[in-house]
PDB file of N, CA and C in Angstrom:
ATOM      1  N   MET A   1    -122.657 -25.497  20.392  1.00  0.00           N
ATOM      2  CA  MET A   1    -122.148 -26.724  19.793  1.00  0.00           C
ATOM      3  C   MET A   1    -121.782 -26.468  18.333  1.00  0.00           C
ATOM      4  N   LYS A   2    -120.591 -26.881  17.947  1.00  0.00           N
ATOM      5  CA  LYS A   2    -120.133 -26.693  16.580  1.00  0.00           C
ATOM      6  C   LYS A   2    -120.797 -27.712  15.652  1.00  0.00           C
ATOM      7  N   PRO A   3    -121.033 -27.316  14.387  1.00  0.00           N
ATOM      8  CA  PRO A   3    -121.588 -28.281  13.444  1.00  0.00           C
ATOM      9  C   PRO A   3    -120.576 -29.394  13.180  1.00  0.00           C
ATOM     10  N   ASP A   4    -121.069 -30.543  12.771  1.00  0.00           N
ATOM     11  CA  ASP A   4    -120.190 -31.666  12.446  1.00  0.00           C
ATOM     12  C   ASP A   4    -119.577 -31.413  11.073  1.00  0.00           C
ATOM     13  N   VAL A   5    -118.435 -30.734  11.057  1.00  0.00           N
ATOM     14  CA  VAL A   5    -117.818 -30.344   9.793  1.00  0.00           C
ATOM     15  C   VAL A   5    -117.204 -31.520   9.045  1.00  0.00           C
ATOM     16  N   THR A   6    -117.089 -32.681   9.691  1.00  0.00           N
ATOM     17  CA  THR A   6    -116.506 -33.827   8.999  1.00  0.00           C
ATOM     18  C   THR A   6    -117.450 -34.391   7.949  1.00  0.00           C
ATOM     19  N   THR A   7    -118.747 -34.201   8.125  1.00  0.00           N
ATOM     20  CA  THR A   7    -119.706 -34.709   7.143  1.00  0.00           C
ATOM     21  C   THR A   7    -120.372 -33.589   6.350  1.00  0.00           C
ATOM     22  N   LEU A   8    -120.283 -32.373   6.853  1.00  0.00           N
ATOM     23  CA  LEU A   8    -120.879 -31.233   6.189  1.00  0.00           C
ATOM     24  C   LEU A   8    -120.033 -30.862   4.975  1.00  0.00           C
ATOM     25  N   GLY A   9    -120.648 -30.834   3.804  1.00  0.00           N
ATOM     26  CA  GLY A   9    -119.918 -30.443   2.600  1.00  0.00           C
ATOM     27  C   GLY A   9    -119.877 -28.931   2.459  1.00  0.00           C
ATOM     28  N   HIS A  10    -118.906 -28.448   1.737  1.00  0.00           N
ATOM     29  CA  HIS A  10    -118.745 -27.014   1.543  1.00  0.00           C
ATOM     30  C   HIS A  10    -118.597 -26.716   0.054  1.00  0.00           C
ATOM     31  N   ARG A  11    -119.520 -25.888  -0.470  1.00  0.00           N
ATOM     32  CA  ARG A  11    -119.402 -25.447  -1.860  1.00  0.00           C
ATOM     33  C   ARG A  11    -118.421 -24.287  -1.890  1.00  0.00           C
ATOM     34  N   VAL A  12    -117.464 -24.373  -2.792  1.00  0.00           N
ATOM     35  CA  VAL A  12    -116.455 -23.339  -2.953  1.00  0.00           C
ATOM     36  C   VAL A  12    -116.586 -22.781  -4.361  1.00  0.00           C
ATOM     37  N   GLU A  13    -116.843 -21.482  -4.457  1.00  0.00           N
ATOM     38  CA  GLU A  13    -116.945 -20.836  -5.764  1.00  0.00           C
ATOM     39  C   GLU A  13    -115.597 -20.232  -6.112  1.00  0.00           C
ATOM     40  N   VAL A  14    -115.167 -20.470  -7.349  1.00  0.00           N
ATOM     41  CA  VAL A  14    -113.834 -20.073  -7.786  1.00  0.00           C
ATOM     42  C   VAL A  14    -113.939 -19.247  -9.066  1.00  0.00           C
ATOM     43  N   VAL A  15    -113.170 -18.175  -9.121  1.00  0.00           N
ATOM     44  CA  VAL A  15    -113.089 -17.368 -10.332  1.00  0.00           C
ATOM     45  C   VAL A  15    -111.621 -17.031 -10.569  1.00  0.00           C
ATOM     46  N   GLN A  16    -111.210 -17.065 -11.829  1.00  0.00           N
ATOM     47  CA  GLN A  16    -109.828 -16.744 -12.135  1.00  0.00           C
ATOM     48  C   GLN A  16    -109.637 -15.238 -12.068  1.00  0.00           C
ATOM     49  N   SER A  17    -108.584 -14.831 -11.392  1.00  0.00           N
ATOM     50  CA  SER A  17    -108.253 -13.422 -11.224  1.00  0.00           C
ATOM     51  C   SER A  17    -106.784 -13.255 -11.597  1.00  0.00           C
ATOM     52  N   GLY A  18    -106.542 -12.882 -12.833  1.00  0.00           N
ATOM     53  CA  GLY A  18    -105.157 -12.815 -13.311  1.00  0.00           C
ATOM     54  C   GLY A  18    -104.573 -14.214 -13.354  1.00  0.00           C
ATOM     55  N   GLU A  19    -103.443 -14.381 -12.679  1.00  0.00           N
ATOM     56  CA  GLU A  19    -102.782 -15.692 -12.642  1.00  0.00           C
ATOM     57  C   GLU A  19    -103.210 -16.518 -11.426  1.00  0.00           C
ATOM     58  N   TRP A  20    -104.154 -16.020 -10.654  1.00  0.00           N
ATOM     59  CA  TRP A  20    -104.592 -16.687  -9.428  1.00  0.00           C
ATOM     60  C   TRP A  20    -106.044 -17.128  -9.552  1.00  0.00           C
ATOM     61  N   TRP A  21    -106.446 -18.048  -8.687  1.00  0.00           N
ATOM     62  CA  TRP A  21    -107.839 -18.472  -8.554  1.00  0.00           C
ATOM     63  C   TRP A  21    -108.332 -17.961  -7.204  1.00  0.00           C
ATOM     64  N   ALA A  22    -109.334 -17.092  -7.250  1.00  0.00           N
ATOM     65  CA  ALA A  22    -109.913 -16.520  -6.036  1.00  0.00           C
ATOM     66  C   ALA A  22    -111.101 -17.370  -5.611  1.00  0.00           C
ATOM     67  N   THR A  23    -111.174 -17.708  -4.338  1.00  0.00           N
ATOM     68  CA  THR A  23    -112.223 -18.592  -3.845  1.00  0.00           C
ATOM     69  C   THR A  23    -113.059 -17.926  -2.756  1.00  0.00           C
ATOM     70  N   THR A  24    -114.329 -18.279  -2.735  1.00  0.00           N
ATOM     71  CA  THR A  24    -115.228 -17.879  -1.652  1.00  0.00           C
ATOM     72  C   THR A  24    -116.038 -19.102  -1.245  1.00  0.00           C
ATOM     73  N   VAL A  25    -116.508 -19.089  -0.021  1.00  0.00           N
ATOM     74  CA  VAL A  25    -117.365 -20.151   0.496  1.00  0.00           C
ATOM     75  C   VAL A  25    -118.683 -19.475   0.880  1.00  0.00           C
ATOM     76  N   PRO A  26    -119.698 -19.551   0.002  1.00  0.00           N
ATOM     77  CA  PRO A  26    -120.945 -18.821   0.240  1.00  0.00           C
ATOM     78  C   PRO A  26    -121.621 -19.129   1.574  1.00  0.00           C
ATOM     79  N   SER A  27    -121.497 -20.343   2.058  1.00  0.00           N
ATOM     80  CA  SER A  27    -122.165 -20.714   3.309  1.00  0.00           C
ATOM     81  C   SER A  27    -121.443 -20.191   4.558  1.00  0.00           C
ATOM     82  N   LEU A  28    -120.224 -19.709   4.386  1.00  0.00           N
ATOM     83  CA  LEU A  28    -119.442 -19.199   5.511  1.00  0.00           C
ATOM     84  C   LEU A  28    -118.963 -17.784   5.180  1.00  0.00           C
ATOM     85  N   ARG A  29    -119.739 -16.826   5.590  1.00  0.00           N
ATOM     86  CA  ARG A  29    -119.419 -15.437   5.290  1.00  0.00           C
ATOM     87  C   ARG A  29    -118.028 -15.074   5.810  1.00  0.00           C
ATOM     88  N   GLY A  30    -117.243 -14.460   4.935  1.00  0.00           N
ATOM     89  CA  GLY A  30    -115.902 -14.031   5.324  1.00  0.00           C
ATOM     90  C   GLY A  30    -114.809 -15.031   5.034  1.00  0.00           C
ATOM     91  N   VAL A  31    -115.162 -16.176   4.446  1.00  0.00           N
ATOM     92  CA  VAL A  31    -114.131 -17.163   4.118  1.00  0.00           C
ATOM     93  C   VAL A  31    -113.711 -16.964   2.665  1.00  0.00           C
ATOM     94  N   PHE A  32    -112.490 -16.505   2.499  1.00  0.00           N
ATOM     95  CA  PHE A  32    -111.901 -16.273   1.187  1.00  0.00           C
ATOM     96  C   PHE A  32    -110.541 -16.933   1.154  1.00  0.00           C
ATOM     97  N   SER A  33    -110.094 -17.265  -0.035  1.00  0.00           N
ATOM     98  CA  SER A  33    -108.770 -17.835  -0.192  1.00  0.00           C
ATOM     99  C   SER A  33    -108.334 -17.620  -1.631  1.00  0.00           C
ATOM    100  N   GLN A  34    -107.134 -18.035  -1.933  1.00  0.00           N
ATOM    101  CA  GLN A  34    -106.660 -17.997  -3.310  1.00  0.00           C
ATOM    102  C   GLN A  34    -105.648 -19.109  -3.510  1.00  0.00           C
ATOM    103  N   ALA A  35    -105.500 -19.489  -4.769  1.00  0.00           N
ATOM    104  CA  ALA A  35    -104.533 -20.523  -5.115  1.00  0.00           C
ATOM    105  C   ALA A  35    -103.927 -20.176  -6.466  1.00  0.00           C
ATOM    106  N   ARG A  36    -102.720 -20.554  -6.653  1.00  0.00           N
ATOM    107  CA  ARG A  36    -102.021 -20.278  -7.916  1.00  0.00           C
ATOM    108  C   ARG A  36    -102.540 -21.182  -9.031  1.00  0.00           C
ATOM    109  N   HIS A  37    -102.880 -22.421  -8.680  1.00  0.00           N
ATOM    110  CA  HIS A  37    -103.342 -23.404  -9.660  1.00  0.00           C
ATOM    111  C   HIS A  37    -104.689 -23.963  -9.217  1.00  0.00           C
ATOM    112  N   LEU A  38    -105.537 -24.280 -10.186  1.00  0.00           N
ATOM    113  CA  LEU A  38    -106.882 -24.760  -9.890  1.00  0.00           C
ATOM    114  C   LEU A  38    -106.864 -26.024  -9.030  1.00  0.00           C
ATOM    115  N   ASP A  39    -105.896 -26.905  -9.254  1.00  0.00           N
ATOM    116  CA  ASP A  39    -105.852 -28.142  -8.468  1.00  0.00           C
ATOM    117  C   ASP A  39    -105.452 -27.905  -7.005  1.00  0.00           C
ATOM    118  N   GLU A  40    -104.999 -26.692  -6.675  1.00  0.00           N
ATOM    119  CA  GLU A  40    -104.654 -26.341  -5.297  1.00  0.00           C
ATOM    120  C   GLU A  40    -105.822 -25.731  -4.534  1.00  0.00           C
ATOM    121  N   VAL A  41    -106.925 -25.449  -5.234  1.00  0.00           N
ATOM    122  CA  VAL A  41    -108.075 -24.784  -4.622  1.00  0.00           C
ATOM    123  C   VAL A  41    -108.672 -25.582  -3.457  1.00  0.00           C
ATOM    124  N   PRO A  42    -108.930 -26.883  -3.599  1.00  0.00           N
ATOM    125  CA  PRO A  42    -109.541 -27.606  -2.469  1.00  0.00           C
ATOM    126  C   PRO A  42    -108.726 -27.517  -1.173  1.00  0.00           C
ATOM    127  N   ALA A  43    -107.421 -27.652  -1.265  1.00  0.00           N
ATOM    128  CA  ALA A  43    -106.583 -27.591  -0.060  1.00  0.00           C
ATOM    129  C   ALA A  43    -106.590 -26.190   0.546  1.00  0.00           C
ATOM    130  N   ALA A  44    -106.508 -25.166  -0.305  1.00  0.00           N
ATOM    131  CA  ALA A  44    -106.522 -23.786   0.190  1.00  0.00           C
ATOM    132  C   ALA A  44    -107.864 -23.465   0.843  1.00  0.00           C
ATOM    133  N   ALA A  45    -108.953 -23.903   0.217  1.00  0.00           N
ATOM    134  CA  ALA A  45    -110.288 -23.665   0.775  1.00  0.00           C
ATOM    135  C   ALA A  45    -110.466 -24.418   2.085  1.00  0.00           C
ATOM    136  N   CYS A  46    -109.970 -25.629   2.141  1.00  0.00           N
ATOM    137  CA  CYS A  46    -110.064 -26.440   3.358  1.00  0.00           C
ATOM    138  C   CYS A  46    -109.359 -25.744   4.517  1.00  0.00           C
ATOM    139  N   GLU A  47    -108.179 -25.200   4.272  1.00  0.00           N
ATOM    140  CA  GLU A  47    -107.449 -24.484   5.322  1.00  0.00           C
ATOM    141  C   GLU A  47    -108.215 -23.249   5.792  1.00  0.00           C
ATOM    142  N   ALA A  48    -108.792 -22.505   4.840  1.00  0.00           N
ATOM    143  CA  ALA A  48    -109.544 -21.300   5.197  1.00  0.00           C
ATOM    144  C   ALA A  48    -110.786 -21.652   6.013  1.00  0.00           C
ATOM    145  N   ILE A  49    -111.468 -22.720   5.620  1.00  0.00           N
ATOM    146  CA  ILE A  49    -112.660 -23.173   6.350  1.00  0.00           C
ATOM    147  C   ILE A  49    -112.276 -23.615   7.765  1.00  0.00           C
ATOM    148  N   ALA A  50    -111.200 -24.371   7.866  1.00  0.00           N
ATOM    149  CA  ALA A  50    -110.741 -24.851   9.172  1.00  0.00           C
ATOM    150  C   ALA A  50    -110.391 -23.684  10.098  1.00  0.00           C
ATOM    151  N   LEU A  51    -109.750 -22.658   9.554  1.00  0.00           N
ATOM    152  CA  LEU A  51    -109.421 -21.491  10.368  1.00  0.00           C
ATOM    153  C   LEU A  51    -110.682 -20.800  10.869  1.00  0.00           C
ATOM    154  N   MET A  52    -111.667 -20.636   9.990  1.00  0.00           N
ATOM    155  CA  MET A  52    -112.905 -19.958  10.370  1.00  0.00           C
ATOM    156  C   MET A  52    -113.665 -20.747  11.437  1.00  0.00           C
ATOM    157  N   LEU A  53    -113.704 -22.066  11.296  1.00  0.00           N
ATOM    158  CA  LEU A  53    -114.473 -22.906  12.214  1.00  0.00           C
ATOM    159  C   LEU A  53    -113.669 -23.375  13.428  1.00  0.00           C
ATOM    160  N   ASP A  54    -112.370 -23.030  13.446  1.00  0.00           N
ATOM    161  CA  ASP A  54    -111.493 -23.418  14.538  1.00  0.00           C
ATOM    162  C   ASP A  54    -111.446 -24.938  14.717  1.00  0.00           C
ATOM    163  N   VAL A  55    -111.201 -25.624  13.599  1.00  0.00           N
ATOM    164  CA  VAL A  55    -111.055 -27.081  13.604  1.00  0.00           C
ATOM    165  C   VAL A  55    -109.794 -27.455  12.846  1.00  0.00           C
ATOM    166  N   ASP A  56    -109.406 -28.701  12.968  1.00  0.00           N
ATOM    167  CA  ASP A  56    -108.265 -29.208  12.222  1.00  0.00           C
ATOM    168  C   ASP A  56    -108.667 -29.350  10.751  1.00  0.00           C
ATOM    169  N   PRO A  57    -107.813 -28.963   9.790  1.00  0.00           N
ATOM    170  CA  PRO A  57    -108.161 -29.110   8.374  1.00  0.00           C
ATOM    171  C   PRO A  57    -108.560 -30.534   7.986  1.00  0.00           C
ATOM    172  N   ALA A  58    -108.002 -31.520   8.672  1.00  0.00           N
ATOM    173  CA  ALA A  58    -108.347 -32.916   8.380  1.00  0.00           C
ATOM    174  C   ALA A  58    -109.795 -33.230   8.743  1.00  0.00           C
ATOM    175  N   ASP A  59    -110.401 -32.391   9.581  1.00  0.00           N
ATOM    176  CA  ASP A  59    -111.783 -32.618   9.999  1.00  0.00           C
ATOM    177  C   ASP A  59    -112.814 -31.933   9.114  1.00  0.00           C
ATOM    178  N   VAL A  60    -112.363 -31.160   8.136  1.00  0.00           N
ATOM    179  CA  VAL A  60    -113.293 -30.463   7.242  1.00  0.00           C
ATOM    180  C   VAL A  60    -113.836 -31.452   6.221  1.00  0.00           C
ATOM    181  N   GLY A  61    -115.151 -31.435   6.047  1.00  0.00           N
ATOM    182  CA  GLY A  61    -115.820 -32.361   5.125  1.00  0.00           C
ATOM    183  C   GLY A  61    -115.486 -32.095   3.673  1.00  0.00           C
ATOM    184  N   PRO A  62    -116.182 -32.758   2.775  1.00  0.00           N
ATOM    185  CA  PRO A  62    -115.865 -32.666   1.348  1.00  0.00           C
ATOM    186  C   PRO A  62    -116.012 -31.241   0.805  1.00  0.00           C
ATOM    187  N   ILE A  63    -115.139 -30.916  -0.129  1.00  0.00           N
ATOM    188  CA  ILE A  63    -115.126 -29.612  -0.785  1.00  0.00           C
ATOM    189  C   ILE A  63    -115.670 -29.788  -2.199  1.00  0.00           C
ATOM    190  N   ASP A  64    -116.690 -29.008  -2.539  1.00  0.00           N
ATOM    191  CA  ASP A  64    -117.305 -29.048  -3.864  1.00  0.00           C
ATOM    192  C   ASP A  64    -116.913 -27.771  -4.599  1.00  0.00           C
ATOM    193  N   VAL A  65    -115.935 -27.868  -5.507  1.00  0.00           N
ATOM    194  CA  VAL A  65    -115.418 -26.708  -6.220  1.00  0.00           C
ATOM    195  C   VAL A  65    -116.285 -26.423  -7.439  1.00  0.00           C
ATOM    196  N   ARG A  66    -116.749 -25.177  -7.540  1.00  0.00           N
ATOM    197  CA  ARG A  66    -117.555 -24.727  -8.679  1.00  0.00           C
ATOM    198  C   ARG A  66    -116.852 -23.538  -9.329  1.00  0.00           C
ATOM    199  N   VAL A  67    -116.362 -23.734 -10.539  1.00  0.00           N
ATOM    200  CA  VAL A  67    -115.687 -22.658 -11.262  1.00  0.00           C
ATOM    201  C   VAL A  67    -116.748 -21.744 -11.855  1.00  0.00           C
ATOM    202  N   GLN A  68    -116.641 -20.451 -11.548  1.00  0.00           N
ATOM    203  CA  GLN A  68    -117.587 -19.447 -12.026  1.00  0.00           C
ATOM    204  C   GLN A  68    -117.013 -18.762 -13.261  1.00  0.00           C
ATOM    205  N   ARG A  69    -117.893 -18.438 -14.171  1.00  0.00           N
ATOM    206  CA  ARG A  69    -117.480 -17.694 -15.361  1.00  0.00           C
ATOM    207  C   ARG A  69    -117.206 -16.253 -14.944  1.00  0.00           C
ATOM    208  N   GLN A  70    -116.073 -15.741 -15.368  1.00  0.00           N
ATOM    209  CA  GLN A  70    -115.721 -14.366 -15.025  1.00  0.00           C
ATOM    210  C   GLN A  70    -116.534 -13.424 -15.889  1.00  0.00           C
ATOM    211  N   GLN A  71    -117.153 -12.438 -15.269  1.00  0.00           N
ATOM    212  CA  GLN A  71    -117.952 -11.476 -15.996  1.00  0.00           C
ATOM    213  C   GLN A  71    -117.103 -10.274 -16.370  1.00  0.00           C
ATOM    214  N   GLY A  72    -117.362  -9.782 -17.583  1.00  0.00           N
ATOM    215  CA  GLY A  72    -116.699  -8.554 -18.024  1.00  0.00           C
ATOM    216  C   GLY A  72    -117.470  -7.351 -17.525  1.00  0.00           C
ATOM    217  N   GLY A  73    -116.945  -6.173 -17.690  1.00  0.00           N
ATOM    218  CA  GLY A  73    -117.564  -4.953 -17.231  1.00  0.00           C
ATOM    219  C   GLY A  73    -118.955  -4.738 -17.813  1.00  0.00           C
ATOM    220  N   ALA A  74    -119.139  -5.020 -19.108  1.00  0.00           N
ATOM    221  CA  ALA A  74    -120.452  -4.805 -19.744  1.00  0.00           C
ATOM    222  C   ALA A  74    -121.485  -5.753 -19.160  1.00  0.00           C
ATOM    223  N   GLU A  75    -121.102  -6.997 -18.879  1.00  0.00           N
ATOM    224  CA  GLU A  75    -122.047  -7.952 -18.301  1.00  0.00           C
ATOM    225  C   GLU A  75    -122.454  -7.539 -16.896  1.00  0.00           C
ATOM    226  N   LEU A  76    -121.517  -6.983 -16.130  1.00  0.00           N
ATOM    227  CA  LEU A  76    -121.837  -6.539 -14.776  1.00  0.00           C
ATOM    228  C   LEU A  76    -122.811  -5.368 -14.801  1.00  0.00           C
ATOM    229  N   LEU A  77    -122.643  -4.456 -15.733  1.00  0.00           N
ATOM    230  CA  LEU A  77    -123.532  -3.304 -15.832  1.00  0.00           C
ATOM    231  C   LEU A  77    -124.927  -3.706 -16.291  1.00  0.00           C
ATOM    232  N   ALA A  78    -125.008  -4.723 -17.151  1.00  0.00           N
ATOM    233  CA  ALA A  78    -126.296  -5.164 -17.683  1.00  0.00           C
ATOM    234  C   ALA A  78    -127.086  -5.951 -16.643  1.00  0.00           C
ATOM    235  N   GLY A  79    -126.362  -6.563 -15.679  1.00  0.00           N
ATOM    236  CA  GLY A  79    -126.910  -7.479 -14.722  1.00  0.00           C
ATOM    237  C   GLY A  79    -128.022  -7.061 -13.894  1.00  0.00           C
TER     238      GLY A  79
END
């Protein structure tokens, strides 16, 4: 039985990568997407989630976008 994705919320983590916004959905391993503009992230993430869960994008529950601070090389090494 598939989860009720219409009420299940999805946290989407976003980081800027050059001129694009790269997205991941931590609760759904393997769900990645990208958008040219930050305001396009929810729709792009919704489509990626719908593809992974094999549901209509209109049935995907609320998207919670969290912009992540991009780490530089020194911060990654110190981590």
